[in-house]
C-alpha atoms as a PDB file:
ATOM      1  CA  MET A   1     -48.631 -36.373  43.703  1.00  0.00           C
ATOM      2  CA  HIS A   2     -47.781 -32.796  44.538  1.00  0.00           C
ATOM      3  CA  ILE A   3     -44.035 -33.759  44.543  1.00  0.00           C
ATOM      4  CA  PHE A   4     -44.445 -35.199  41.082  1.00  0.00           C
ATOM      5  CA  ALA A   5     -46.162 -32.005  39.860  1.00  0.00           C
ATOM      6  CA  ALA A   6     -43.403 -29.845  41.400  1.00  0.00           C
ATOM      7  CA  LEU A   7     -40.739 -32.025  39.839  1.00  0.00           C
ATOM      8  CA  LEU A   8     -42.521 -31.824  36.483  1.00  0.00           C
ATOM      9  CA  GLY A   9     -42.729 -28.024  36.861  1.00  0.00           C
ATOM     10  CA  VAL A  10     -38.993 -27.771  37.594  1.00  0.00           C
ATOM     11  CA  LEU A  11     -38.181 -30.016  34.611  1.00  0.00           C
ATOM     12  CA  GLY A  12     -40.473 -27.952  32.363  1.00  0.00           C
ATOM     13  CA  THR A  13     -38.832 -24.739  33.543  1.00  0.00           C
ATOM     14  CA  LEU A  14     -35.373 -26.205  32.897  1.00  0.00           C
ATOM     15  CA  ALA A  15     -36.416 -27.361  29.422  1.00  0.00           C
ATOM     16  CA  PHE A  16     -37.830 -23.911  28.646  1.00  0.00           C
ATOM     17  CA  LEU A  17     -34.658 -22.188  29.900  1.00  0.00           C
ATOM     18  CA  LEU A  18     -32.441 -24.566  27.896  1.00  0.00           C
ATOM     19  CA  TYR A  19     -34.507 -23.840  24.798  1.00  0.00           C
ATOM     20  CA  ARG A  20     -34.207 -20.077  25.349  1.00  0.00           C
ATOM     21  CA  PHE A  21     -30.456 -20.344  25.984  1.00  0.00           C
ATOM     22  CA  SER A  22     -30.007 -22.342  22.772  1.00  0.00           C
ATOM     23  CA  LEU A  23     -31.878 -19.603  20.877  1.00  0.00           C
ATOM     24  CA  LEU A  24     -29.653 -16.998  22.542  1.00  0.00           C
ATOM     25  CA  LYS A  25     -26.523 -18.970  21.565  1.00  0.00           C
ATOM     26  CA  GLN A  26     -27.767 -19.315  17.994  1.00  0.00           C
ATOM     27  CA  GLY A  27     -28.344 -15.548  17.799  1.00  0.00           C
ATOM     28  CA  ALA A  28     -24.859 -14.859  19.187  1.00  0.00           C
ATOM     29  CA  ASP A  29     -23.350 -17.298  16.663  1.00  0.00           C
ATOM     30  CA  ASP A  30     -25.198 -15.510  13.847  1.00  0.00           C
ATOM     31  CA  VAL A  31     -23.806 -12.150  14.999  1.00  0.00           C
ATOM     32  CA  ILE A  32     -20.269 -13.566  15.201  1.00  0.00           C
ATOM     33  CA  ASP A  33     -20.606 -15.113  11.722  1.00  0.00           C
ATOM     34  CA  THR A  34     -21.787 -11.785  10.306  1.00  0.00           C
ATOM     35  CA  VAL A  35     -18.888  -9.900  11.881  1.00  0.00           C
ATOM     36  CA  GLU A  36     -16.378 -12.477  10.591  1.00  0.00           C
ATOM     37  CA  HIS A  37     -17.926 -12.310   7.112  1.00  0.00           C
ATOM     38  CA  MET A  38     -17.659  -8.503   7.102  1.00  0.00           C
ATOM     39  CA  ALA A  39     -14.006  -8.659   8.213  1.00  0.00           C
ATOM     40  CA  GLY A  40     -13.258 -11.215   5.494  1.00  0.00           C
ATOM     41  CA  ALA A  41     -14.981  -9.023   2.913  1.00  0.00           C
ATOM     42  CA  TRP A  42     -12.797  -6.074   3.969  1.00  0.00           C
ATOM     43  CA  ARG A  43      -9.624  -8.203   3.686  1.00  0.00           C
ATOM     44  CA  ARG A  44     -10.710  -9.470   0.256  1.00  0.00           C
ATOM     45  CA  HIS A  45     -11.408  -5.906  -0.857  1.00  0.00           C
ATOM     46  CA  ARG A  46      -7.943  -4.711   0.256  1.00  0.00           C
ATOM     47  CA  PHE A  47      -6.284  -7.696  -1.435  1.00  0.00           C
ATOM     48  CA  ARG A  48      -8.195  -7.152  -4.690  1.00  0.00           C
ATOM     49  CA  ARG A  49      -7.319  -3.471  -4.677  1.00  0.00           C
ATOM     50  CA  LYS A  50      -3.649  -4.302  -4.203  1.00  0.00           C
ATOM     51  CA  ALA A  51      -3.711  -7.132  -6.761  1.00  0.00           C
ATOM     52  CA  ASP A  52      -5.407  -4.965  -9.389  1.00  0.00           C
ATOM     53  CA  ARG A  53      -2.648  -2.358  -9.269  1.00  0.00           C
ATOM     54  CA  PRO A  54       0.259  -2.855 -11.639  1.00  0.00           C
ATOM     55  CA  PRO A  55       3.196  -4.514  -9.856  1.00  0.00           C
ATOM     56  CA  LEU A  56       5.482  -1.581 -10.628  1.00  0.00           C
ATOM     57  CA  GLU A  57       3.313   0.793  -8.576  1.00  0.00           C
ATOM     58  CA  SER A  58       3.539  -1.529  -5.578  1.00  0.00           C
ATOM     59  CA  GLU A  59       7.338  -1.775  -5.735  1.00  0.00           C
ATOM     60  CA  THR A  60       9.235  -0.394  -2.738  1.00  0.00           C
ATOM     61  CA  ASP A  61      12.770  -1.538  -3.583  1.00  0.00           C
ATOM     62  CA  PRO A  62      14.729   1.145  -5.466  1.00  0.00           C
ATOM     63  CA  ARG A  63      17.051  -1.470  -7.013  1.00  0.00           C
ATOM     64  CA  ALA A  64      14.121  -3.310  -8.566  1.00  0.00           C
ATOM     65  CA  ALA A  65      12.623  -0.018  -9.760  1.00  0.00           C
ATOM     66  CA  ALA A  66      15.958   0.976 -11.317  1.00  0.00           C
ATOM     67  CA  ALA A  67      16.234  -2.426 -12.990  1.00  0.00           C
ATOM     68  CA  ALA A  68      12.717  -2.107 -14.395  1.00  0.00           C
ATOM     69  CA  LEU A  69      13.600   1.332 -15.695  1.00  0.00           C
ATOM     70  CA  ALA A  70      16.786   0.127 -17.382  1.00  0.00           C
ATOM     71  CA  VAL A  71      14.996  -2.859 -18.912  1.00  0.00           C
ATOM     72  CA  SER A  72      12.151  -0.714 -20.262  1.00  0.00           C
ATOM     73  CA  ILE A  73      14.587   1.746 -21.859  1.00  0.00           C
ATOM     74  CA  ALA A  74      16.674  -1.083 -23.336  1.00  0.00           C
ATOM     75  CA  GLU A  75      13.576  -2.871 -24.674  1.00  0.00           C
ATOM     76  CA  SER A  76      12.068   0.266 -26.195  1.00  0.00           C
ATOM     77  CA  SER A  77      13.973  -0.360 -29.426  1.00  0.00           C
ATOM     78  CA  GLY A  78      12.836  -3.981 -29.641  1.00  0.00           C
ATOM     79  CA  PRO A  79      13.419  -7.321 -27.922  1.00  0.00           C
ATOM     80  CA  LEU A  80      16.696  -7.684 -26.076  1.00  0.00           C
ATOM     81  CA  SER A  81      19.474  -9.617 -27.689  1.00  0.00           C
ATOM     82  CA  ILE A  82      21.723 -12.001 -25.761  1.00  0.00           C
ATOM     83  CA  LYS A  83      24.453  -9.352 -25.796  1.00  0.00           C
ATOM     84  CA  ALA A  84      22.092  -6.680 -24.445  1.00  0.00           C
ATOM     85  CA  GLU A  85      20.962  -9.044 -21.688  1.00  0.00           C
ATOM     86  CA  SER A  86      24.556  -9.708 -20.657  1.00  0.00           C
ATOM     87  CA  VAL A  87      25.294  -5.957 -20.655  1.00  0.00           C
ATOM     88  CA  LEU A  88      22.234  -5.367 -18.450  1.00  0.00           C
ATOM     89  CA  CYS A  89      23.260  -8.145 -16.055  1.00  0.00           C
ATOM     90  CA  ARG A  90      26.788  -6.746 -15.812  1.00  0.00           C
ATOM     91  CA  GLU A  91      25.456  -3.232 -15.156  1.00  0.00           C
ATOM     92  CA  PHE A  92      23.085  -4.565 -12.493  1.00  0.00           C
ATOM     93  CA  ARG A  93      26.000  -6.234 -10.742  1.00  0.00           C
ATOM     94  CA  ASN A  94      28.295  -3.216 -11.019  1.00  0.00           C
ATOM     95  CA  VAL A  95      25.910  -0.321 -10.420  1.00  0.00           C
ATOM     96  CA  LEU A  96      23.070  -1.833  -8.412  1.00  0.00           C
ATOM     97  CA  GLY A  97      25.202  -4.279  -6.443  1.00  0.00           C
ATOM     98  CA  ALA A  98      23.145  -7.313  -7.404  1.00  0.00           C
ATOM     99  CA  SER A  99      24.771 -10.663  -6.715  1.00  0.00           C
ATOM    100  CA  ASP A 100      23.019 -12.186  -9.729  1.00  0.00           C
ATOM    101  CA  GLY A 101      22.077  -9.763 -12.477  1.00  0.00           C
ATOM    102  CA  SER A 102      19.901 -12.280 -14.300  1.00  0.00           C
ATOM    103  CA  GLU A 103      17.416 -12.402 -11.416  1.00  0.00           C
ATOM    104  CA  LEU A 104      17.101  -8.632 -11.424  1.00  0.00           C
ATOM    105  CA  LEU A 105      16.758  -8.690 -15.212  1.00  0.00           C
ATOM    106  CA  ALA A 106      13.914 -11.212 -15.025  1.00  0.00           C
ATOM    107  CA  TYR A 107      12.217  -9.256 -12.249  1.00  0.00           C
ATOM    108  CA  GLY A 108      12.589  -5.993 -14.185  1.00  0.00           C
ATOM    109  CA  ARG A 109      11.034  -7.628 -17.235  1.00  0.00           C
ATOM    110  CA  TRP A 110       8.143  -8.902 -15.147  1.00  0.00           C
ATOM    111  CA  LEU A 111       7.565  -5.474 -13.595  1.00  0.00           C
ATOM    112  CA  THR A 112       7.347  -3.837 -17.014  1.00  0.00           C
ATOM    113  CA  LYS A 113       5.686  -6.608 -19.012  1.00  0.00           C
ATOM    114  CA  ASP A 114       2.473  -4.600 -19.563  1.00  0.00           C
ATOM    115  CA  ILE A 115       4.096  -1.175 -20.032  1.00  0.00           C
ATOM    116  CA  VAL A 116       5.330  -0.328 -23.517  1.00  0.00           C
ATOM    117  CA  ASP A 117       6.370   3.292 -22.996  1.00  0.00           C
ATOM    118  CA  PRO A 118       9.610   3.771 -20.990  1.00  0.00           C
ATOM    119  CA  ASN A 119       8.422   7.277 -20.066  1.00  0.00           C
ATOM    120  CA  ALA A 120       5.476   5.734 -18.235  1.00  0.00           C
ATOM    121  CA  VAL A 121       7.924   3.585 -16.257  1.00  0.00           C
ATOM    122  CA  SER A 122       9.947   6.715 -15.430  1.00  0.00           C
ATOM    123  CA  ASP A 123       6.811   8.476 -14.257  1.00  0.00           C
ATOM    124  CA  ARG A 124       5.811   5.574 -12.000  1.00  0.00           C
ATOM    125  CA  VAL A 125       9.186   5.008 -10.321  1.00  0.00           C
ATOM    126  CA  ALA A 126      10.426   8.602 -10.140  1.00  0.00           C
ATOM    127  CA  GLY A 127       8.842   9.238  -6.747  1.00  0.00           C
ATOM    128  CA  LEU A 128      10.427   6.169  -5.193  1.00  0.00           C
ATOM    129  CA  LEU A 129      13.837   6.880  -6.718  1.00  0.00           C
ATOM    130  CA  ASN A 130      13.786  10.545  -5.720  1.00  0.00           C
ATOM    131  CA  GLU A 131      12.904   9.642  -2.134  1.00  0.00           C
ATOM    132  CA  GLN A 132      15.462   6.896  -1.636  1.00  0.00           C
ATOM    133  CA  LEU A 133      18.459   7.763  -3.815  1.00  0.00           C
ATOM    134  CA  TRP A 134      21.172  10.377  -3.371  1.00  0.00           C
ATOM    135  CA  GLN A 135      22.143  12.654  -6.237  1.00  0.00           C
ATOM    136  CA  SER A 136      25.246  10.585  -7.012  1.00  0.00           C
ATOM    137  CA  GLN A 137      23.168   7.395  -7.120  1.00  0.00           C
ATOM    138  CA  LYS A 138      20.664   9.056  -9.442  1.00  0.00           C
ATOM    139  CA  GLN A 139      23.522  10.089 -11.718  1.00  0.00           C
ATOM    140  CA  ASP A 140      24.877   6.507 -11.654  1.00  0.00           C
ATOM    141  CA  LEU A 141      21.413   5.254 -12.636  1.00  0.00           C
ATOM    142  CA  LEU A 142      21.232   7.753 -15.479  1.00  0.00           C
ATOM    143  CA  ASP A 143      24.704   6.757 -16.684  1.00  0.00           C
ATOM    144  CA  MET A 144      23.751   3.072 -16.498  1.00  0.00           C
ATOM    145  CA  THR A 145      20.633   3.610 -18.617  1.00  0.00           C
ATOM    146  CA  ALA A 146      22.730   5.513 -21.151  1.00  0.00           C
ATOM    147  CA  ARG A 147      25.215   2.629 -21.333  1.00  0.00           C
ATOM    148  CA  VAL A 148      22.499  -0.004 -21.900  1.00  0.00           C
ATOM    149  CA  SER A 149      20.769   1.999 -24.631  1.00  0.00           C
ATOM    150  CA  SER A 150      21.727   1.662 -28.265  1.00  0.00           C
ATOM    151  CA  GLY A 151      21.287   5.341 -29.117  1.00  0.00           C
ATOM    152  CA  ASN A 152      17.837   4.903 -30.616  1.00  0.00           C
ATOM    153  CA  PRO A 153      15.923   8.269 -30.668  1.00  0.00           C
ATOM    154  CA  ILE A 154      13.176   6.748 -28.509  1.00  0.00           C
ATOM    155  CA  GLN A 155      15.778   5.696 -25.940  1.00  0.00           C
ATOM    156  CA  VAL A 156      17.508   9.089 -26.024  1.00  0.00           C
ATOM    157  CA  GLN A 157      14.163  10.793 -25.436  1.00  0.00           C
ATOM    158  CA  ALA A 158      13.354   8.349 -22.609  1.00  0.00           C
ATOM    159  CA  ILE A 159      16.724   9.046 -20.948  1.00  0.00           C
ATOM    160  CA  GLY A 160      16.046  12.796 -21.221  1.00  0.00           C
ATOM    161  CA  HIS A 161      12.636  12.269 -19.634  1.00  0.00           C
ATOM    162  CA  LEU A 162      14.246  10.235 -16.855  1.00  0.00           C
ATOM    163  CA  LYS A 163      16.818  12.976 -16.279  1.00  0.00           C
ATOM    164  CA  HIS A 164      14.013  15.483 -15.900  1.00  0.00           C
ATOM    165  CA  LYS A 165      12.054  13.181 -13.529  1.00  0.00           C
ATOM    166  CA  LEU A 166      15.136  12.589 -11.354  1.00  0.00           C
ATOM    167  CA  CYS A 167      15.730  16.360 -11.127  1.00  0.00           C
ATOM    168  CA  LEU A 168      19.232  16.156 -12.610  1.00  0.00           C
END
């Protein structure tokens, strides 16, 4: 009988230890879940912050920024005509070295879809363009925007503002 009692005591101790270990595992799982939830919340916060910014402010390619600038100046006098679109595409191929100007035109339109004022576009991309372009490239960009404009006073003022922002 004493062997049976000892065996029952060992089994009871094992059952108690297994129960305590399962509680310990559950607590560790809860801590891991909390840490993973906090990391996911931080990633969601960073993504939301980036997604809430206008796409033009997130742009790092100077060609795309220049295209957005040219499109905003050309569109400041009204919607682009077929002829103006072809002139923009040709300028993008010649000045910016784009293989397909229509892609850059569409991307420039998308970047500036919510911005009406071309001066605001100049303000937003001036830092990027000043950092990554040489003086001759800035002058080429200024000449390109002058060629795509129709001479509207708003466009002339926007080109003057761009000239000031590019330190020319």
